[in-house]
PDB file of N, CA and C in Angstrom:
ATOM      1  N   MET A   1     125.192 197.951 155.032  1.00  0.00           N
ATOM      2  CA  MET A   1     125.708 197.169 153.919  1.00  0.00           C
ATOM      3  C   MET A   1     127.040 196.546 154.324  1.00  0.00           C
ATOM      4  N   ALA A   2     127.186 195.255 154.103  1.00  0.00           N
ATOM      5  CA  ALA A   2     128.419 194.549 154.445  1.00  0.00           C
ATOM      6  C   ALA A   2     129.486 194.834 153.378  1.00  0.00           C
ATOM      7  N   PRO A   3     130.742 194.912 153.790  1.00  0.00           N
ATOM      8  CA  PRO A   3     131.812 195.161 152.809  1.00  0.00           C
ATOM      9  C   PRO A   3     132.038 193.954 151.910  1.00  0.00           C
ATOM     10  N   ASP A   4     132.429 194.230 150.660  1.00  0.00           N
ATOM     11  CA  ASP A   4     132.729 193.145 149.721  1.00  0.00           C
ATOM     12  C   ASP A   4     134.160 192.663 149.868  1.00  0.00           C
ATOM     13  N   LEU A   5     135.024 193.515 150.448  1.00  0.00           N
ATOM     14  CA  LEU A   5     136.435 193.175 150.647  1.00  0.00           C
ATOM     15  C   LEU A   5     136.755 193.263 152.129  1.00  0.00           C
ATOM     16  N   LEU A   6     137.487 192.279 152.622  1.00  0.00           N
ATOM     17  CA  LEU A   6     137.882 192.257 154.028  1.00  0.00           C
ATOM     18  C   LEU A   6     139.383 192.455 154.154  1.00  0.00           C
ATOM     19  N   THR A   7     139.786 193.079 155.233  1.00  0.00           N
ATOM     20  CA  THR A   7     141.207 193.180 155.540  1.00  0.00           C
ATOM     21  C   THR A   7     141.671 191.814 156.051  1.00  0.00           C
ATOM     22  N   VAL A   8     142.966 191.643 156.142  1.00  0.00           N
ATOM     23  CA  VAL A   8     143.502 190.390 156.674  1.00  0.00           C
ATOM     24  C   VAL A   8     143.010 190.156 158.105  1.00  0.00           C
ATOM     25  N   PRO A   9     143.054 191.170 158.995  1.00  0.00           N
ATOM     26  CA  PRO A   9     142.533 190.934 160.350  1.00  0.00           C
ATOM     27  C   PRO A   9     141.044 190.564 160.370  1.00  0.00           C
ATOM     28  N   GLU A  10     140.252 191.141 159.471  1.00  0.00           N
ATOM     29  CA  GLU A  10     138.831 190.787 159.409  1.00  0.00           C
ATOM     30  C   GLU A  10     138.657 189.344 158.946  1.00  0.00           C
ATOM     31  N   ALA A  11     139.435 188.929 157.941  1.00  0.00           N
ATOM     32  CA  ALA A  11     139.376 187.539 157.470  1.00  0.00           C
ATOM     33  C   ALA A  11     139.838 186.584 158.569  1.00  0.00           C
ATOM     34  N   MET A  12     140.859 186.995 159.330  1.00  0.00           N
ATOM     35  CA  MET A  12     141.328 186.186 160.449  1.00  0.00           C
ATOM     36  C   MET A  12     140.191 185.958 161.442  1.00  0.00           C
ATOM     37  N   ALA A  13     139.429 187.014 161.726  1.00  0.00           N
ATOM     38  CA  ALA A  13     138.331 186.918 162.687  1.00  0.00           C
ATOM     39  C   ALA A  13     137.221 186.018 162.167  1.00  0.00           C
ATOM     40  N   VAL A  14     136.924 186.102 160.880  1.00  0.00           N
ATOM     41  CA  VAL A  14     135.866 185.275 160.305  1.00  0.00           C
ATOM     42  C   VAL A  14     136.235 183.797 160.386  1.00  0.00           C
ATOM     43  N   LEU A  15     137.464 183.465 159.985  1.00  0.00           N
ATOM     44  CA  LEU A  15     137.898 182.066 159.984  1.00  0.00           C
ATOM     45  C   LEU A  15     138.449 181.606 161.326  1.00  0.00           C
ATOM     46  N   LYS A  16     138.704 182.567 162.221  1.00  0.00           N
ATOM     47  CA  LYS A  16     139.274 182.267 163.543  1.00  0.00           C
ATOM     48  C   LYS A  16     140.614 181.545 163.405  1.00  0.00           C
ATOM     49  N   VAL A  17     141.479 182.139 162.569  1.00  0.00           N
ATOM     50  CA  VAL A  17     142.819 181.605 162.344  1.00  0.00           C
ATOM     51  C   VAL A  17     143.833 182.735 162.502  1.00  0.00           C
ATOM     52  N   SER A  18     145.103 182.384 162.474  1.00  0.00           N
ATOM     53  CA  SER A  18     146.173 183.368 162.647  1.00  0.00           C
ATOM     54  C   SER A  18     146.485 184.100 161.348  1.00  0.00           C
ATOM     55  N   ARG A  19     147.206 185.191 161.472  1.00  0.00           N
ATOM     56  CA  ARG A  19     147.678 185.955 160.316  1.00  0.00           C
ATOM     57  C   ARG A  19     148.533 185.052 159.427  1.00  0.00           C
ATOM     58  N   TRP A  20     149.395 184.258 160.045  1.00  0.00           N
ATOM     59  CA  TRP A  20     150.267 183.354 159.304  1.00  0.00           C
ATOM     60  C   TRP A  20     149.439 182.403 158.442  1.00  0.00           C
ATOM     61  N   THR A  21     148.346 181.879 158.999  1.00  0.00           N
ATOM     62  CA  THR A  21     147.494 180.950 158.262  1.00  0.00           C
ATOM     63  C   THR A  21     146.851 181.639 157.064  1.00  0.00           C
ATOM     64  N   ILE A  22     146.348 182.855 157.244  1.00  0.00           N
ATOM     65  CA  ILE A  22     145.730 183.592 156.131  1.00  0.00           C
ATOM     66  C   ILE A  22     146.740 183.791 155.013  1.00  0.00           C
ATOM     67  N   TYR A  23     147.934 184.271 155.349  1.00  0.00           N
ATOM     68  CA  TYR A  23     148.937 184.510 154.310  1.00  0.00           C
ATOM     69  C   TYR A  23     149.406 183.208 153.667  1.00  0.00           C
ATOM     70  N   SER A  24     149.443 182.133 154.417  1.00  0.00           N
ATOM     71  CA  SER A  24     149.801 180.834 153.874  1.00  0.00           C
ATOM     72  C   SER A  24     148.746 180.369 152.867  1.00  0.00           C
ATOM     73  N   LEU A  25     147.483 180.555 153.194  1.00  0.00           N
ATOM     74  CA  LEU A  25     146.402 180.193 152.281  1.00  0.00           C
ATOM     75  C   LEU A  25     146.453 181.037 151.009  1.00  0.00           C
ATOM     76  N   ILE A  26     146.780 182.303 151.149  1.00  0.00           N
ATOM     77  CA  ILE A  26     146.901 183.189 149.988  1.00  0.00           C
ATOM     78  C   ILE A  26     148.066 182.740 149.111  1.00  0.00           C
ATOM     79  N   ARG A  27     149.229 182.489 149.730  1.00  0.00           N
ATOM     80  CA  ARG A  27     150.410 182.064 148.965  1.00  0.00           C
ATOM     81  C   ARG A  27     150.174 180.757 148.220  1.00  0.00           C
ATOM     82  N   SER A  28     149.451 179.839 148.839  1.00  0.00           N
ATOM     83  CA  SER A  28     149.216 178.534 148.219  1.00  0.00           C
ATOM     84  C   SER A  28     148.129 178.583 147.151  1.00  0.00           C
ATOM     85  N   GLY A  29     147.402 179.694 147.072  1.00  0.00           N
ATOM     86  CA  GLY A  29     146.336 179.814 146.085  1.00  0.00           C
ATOM     87  C   GLY A  29     144.997 179.278 146.563  1.00  0.00           C
ATOM     88  N   GLU A  30     144.939 178.815 147.809  1.00  0.00           N
ATOM     89  CA  GLU A  30     143.683 178.287 148.345  1.00  0.00           C
ATOM     90  C   GLU A  30     142.685 179.395 148.667  1.00  0.00           C
ATOM     91  N   LEU A  31     143.187 180.599 148.914  1.00  0.00           N
ATOM     92  CA  LEU A  31     142.339 181.742 149.244  1.00  0.00           C
ATOM     93  C   LEU A  31     142.720 182.899 148.332  1.00  0.00           C
ATOM     94  N   ARG A  32     141.752 183.339 147.523  1.00  0.00           N
ATOM     95  CA  ARG A  32     142.024 184.456 146.616  1.00  0.00           C
ATOM     96  C   ARG A  32     142.102 185.768 147.385  1.00  0.00           C
ATOM     97  N   SER A  33     142.916 186.681 146.879  1.00  0.00           N
ATOM     98  CA  SER A  33     142.998 188.015 147.455  1.00  0.00           C
ATOM     99  C   SER A  33     143.337 189.003 146.351  1.00  0.00           C
ATOM    100  N   VAL A  34     143.168 190.270 146.658  1.00  0.00           N
ATOM    101  CA  VAL A  34     143.511 191.331 145.714  1.00  0.00           C
ATOM    102  C   VAL A  34     144.380 192.342 146.435  1.00  0.00           C
ATOM    103  N   VAL A  35     145.163 193.079 145.653  1.00  0.00           N
ATOM    104  CA  VAL A  35     145.989 194.143 146.221  1.00  0.00           C
ATOM    105  C   VAL A  35     145.394 195.467 145.770  1.00  0.00           C
ATOM    106  N   VAL A  36     145.079 196.307 146.738  1.00  0.00           N
ATOM    107  CA  VAL A  36     144.551 197.628 146.465  1.00  0.00           C
ATOM    108  C   VAL A  36     145.707 198.610 146.630  1.00  0.00           C
ATOM    109  N   ARG A  37     145.895 199.440 145.630  1.00  0.00           N
ATOM    110  CA  ARG A  37     147.059 200.322 145.554  1.00  0.00           C
ATOM    111  C   ARG A  37     148.306 199.461 145.514  1.00  0.00           C
ATOM    112  N   THR A  38     149.272 199.746 146.347  1.00  0.00           N
ATOM    113  CA  THR A  38     150.505 198.965 146.263  1.00  0.00           C
ATOM    114  C   THR A  38     150.700 198.007 147.424  1.00  0.00           C
ATOM    115  N   ARG A  39     150.041 198.253 148.563  1.00  0.00           N
ATOM    116  CA  ARG A  39     150.344 197.419 149.725  1.00  0.00           C
ATOM    117  C   ARG A  39     149.132 196.938 150.503  1.00  0.00           C
ATOM    118  N   CYS A  40     147.945 197.271 150.082  1.00  0.00           N
ATOM    119  CA  CYS A  40     146.754 196.912 150.848  1.00  0.00           C
ATOM    120  C   CYS A  40     146.153 195.610 150.335  1.00  0.00           C
ATOM    121  N   ARG A  41     146.368 194.532 151.037  1.00  0.00           N
ATOM    122  CA  ARG A  41     145.846 193.222 150.652  1.00  0.00           C
ATOM    123  C   ARG A  41     144.421 193.109 151.184  1.00  0.00           C
ATOM    124  N   ARG A  42     143.495 192.684 150.321  1.00  0.00           N
ATOM    125  CA  ARG A  42     142.104 192.490 150.716  1.00  0.00           C
ATOM    126  C   ARG A  42     141.622 191.135 150.231  1.00  0.00           C
ATOM    127  N   ILE A  43     140.711 190.546 150.998  1.00  0.00           N
ATOM    128  CA  ILE A  43     140.154 189.251 150.660  1.00  0.00           C
ATOM    129  C   ILE A  43     138.674 189.456 150.330  1.00  0.00           C
ATOM    130  N   PRO A  44     138.269 189.106 149.107  1.00  0.00           N
ATOM    131  CA  PRO A  44     136.846 189.221 148.772  1.00  0.00           C
ATOM    132  C   PRO A  44     136.014 188.277 149.640  1.00  0.00           C
ATOM    133  N   VAL A  45     134.857 188.747 150.074  1.00  0.00           N
ATOM    134  CA  VAL A  45     133.967 187.914 150.879  1.00  0.00           C
ATOM    135  C   VAL A  45     133.630 186.640 150.110  1.00  0.00           C
ATOM    136  N   ALA A  46     133.436 186.766 148.805  1.00  0.00           N
ATOM    137  CA  ALA A  46     133.124 185.588 147.979  1.00  0.00           C
ATOM    138  C   ALA A  46     134.256 184.560 148.041  1.00  0.00           C
ATOM    139  N   ALA A  47     135.507 185.015 148.127  1.00  0.00           N
ATOM    140  CA  ALA A  47     136.645 184.093 148.204  1.00  0.00           C
ATOM    141  C   ALA A  47     136.612 183.304 149.518  1.00  0.00           C
ATOM    142  N   LEU A  48     136.231 183.972 150.607  1.00  0.00           N
ATOM    143  CA  LEU A  48     136.102 183.270 151.890  1.00  0.00           C
ATOM    144  C   LEU A  48     134.995 182.233 151.816  1.00  0.00           C
ATOM    145  N   GLU A  49     133.871 182.607 151.203  1.00  0.00           N
ATOM    146  CA  GLU A  49     132.751 181.680 151.074  1.00  0.00           C
ATOM    147  C   GLU A  49     133.145 180.467 150.230  1.00  0.00           C
ATOM    148  N   GLU A  50     133.873 180.700 149.132  1.00  0.00           N
ATOM    149  CA  GLU A  50     134.337 179.594 148.287  1.00  0.00           C
ATOM    150  C   GLU A  50     135.271 178.671 149.059  1.00  0.00           C
ATOM    151  N   TYR A  51     136.166 179.247 149.831  1.00  0.00           N
ATOM    152  CA  TYR A  51     137.118 178.462 150.613  1.00  0.00           C
ATOM    153  C   TYR A  51     136.388 177.575 151.623  1.00  0.00           C
ATOM    154  N   VAL A  52     135.436 178.157 152.338  1.00  0.00           N
ATOM    155  CA  VAL A  52     134.681 177.396 153.339  1.00  0.00           C
ATOM    156  C   VAL A  52     133.854 176.303 152.659  1.00  0.00           C
ATOM    157  N   THR A  53     133.267 176.602 151.514  1.00  0.00           N
ATOM    158  CA  THR A  53     132.492 175.608 150.773  1.00  0.00           C
ATOM    159  C   THR A  53     133.378 174.433 150.374  1.00  0.00           C
ATOM    160  N   ARG A  54     134.596 174.730 149.885  1.00  0.00           N
ATOM    161  CA  ARG A  54     135.526 173.661 149.517  1.00  0.00           C
ATOM    162  C   ARG A  54     135.874 172.798 150.723  1.00  0.00           C
ATOM    163  N   LEU A  55     136.122 173.442 151.863  1.00  0.00           N
ATOM    164  CA  LEU A  55     136.445 172.685 153.080  1.00  0.00           C
ATOM    165  C   LEU A  55     135.302 171.747 153.458  1.00  0.00           C
ATOM    166  N   CYS A  56     134.070 172.243 153.368  1.00  0.00           N
ATOM    167  CA  CYS A  56     132.920 171.434 153.719  1.00  0.00           C
ATOM    168  C   CYS A  56     132.740 170.273 152.756  1.00  0.00           C
ATOM    169  N   GLU A  57     132.972 170.516 151.459  1.00  0.00           N
ATOM    170  CA  GLU A  57     132.854 169.451 150.473  1.00  0.00           C
ATOM    171  C   GLU A  57     133.910 168.371 150.672  1.00  0.00           C
ATOM    172  N   GLU A  58     135.125 168.790 151.022  1.00  0.00           N
ATOM    173  CA  GLU A  58     136.202 167.831 151.257  1.00  0.00           C
ATOM    174  C   GLU A  58     135.948 166.995 152.490  1.00  0.00           C
ATOM    175  N   ALA A  59     135.279 167.597 153.470  1.00  0.00           N
ATOM    176  CA  ALA A  59     134.998 166.879 154.726  1.00  0.00           C
ATOM    177  C   ALA A  59     133.851 165.879 154.569  1.00  0.00           C
ATOM    178  N   ALA A  60     133.039 166.074 153.544  1.00  0.00           N
ATOM    179  CA  ALA A  60     131.849 165.214 153.368  1.00  0.00           C
ATOM    180  C   ALA A  60     132.217 163.880 152.762  1.00  0.00           C
TER     181      ALA A  60
END
């Protein structure tokens, strides 16, 4: 079973971008994320899919 939440390094690997880029996307609101407990940032797989879909639509 695939995880529903990804760590920042896992999201970096999926998008093939830097940590700085992931956090920049989160800060700008382009990529949704959640905080688990007090310091664990996670990115829902659905949020990555939505982001990629938006990129593809903008490119079309």
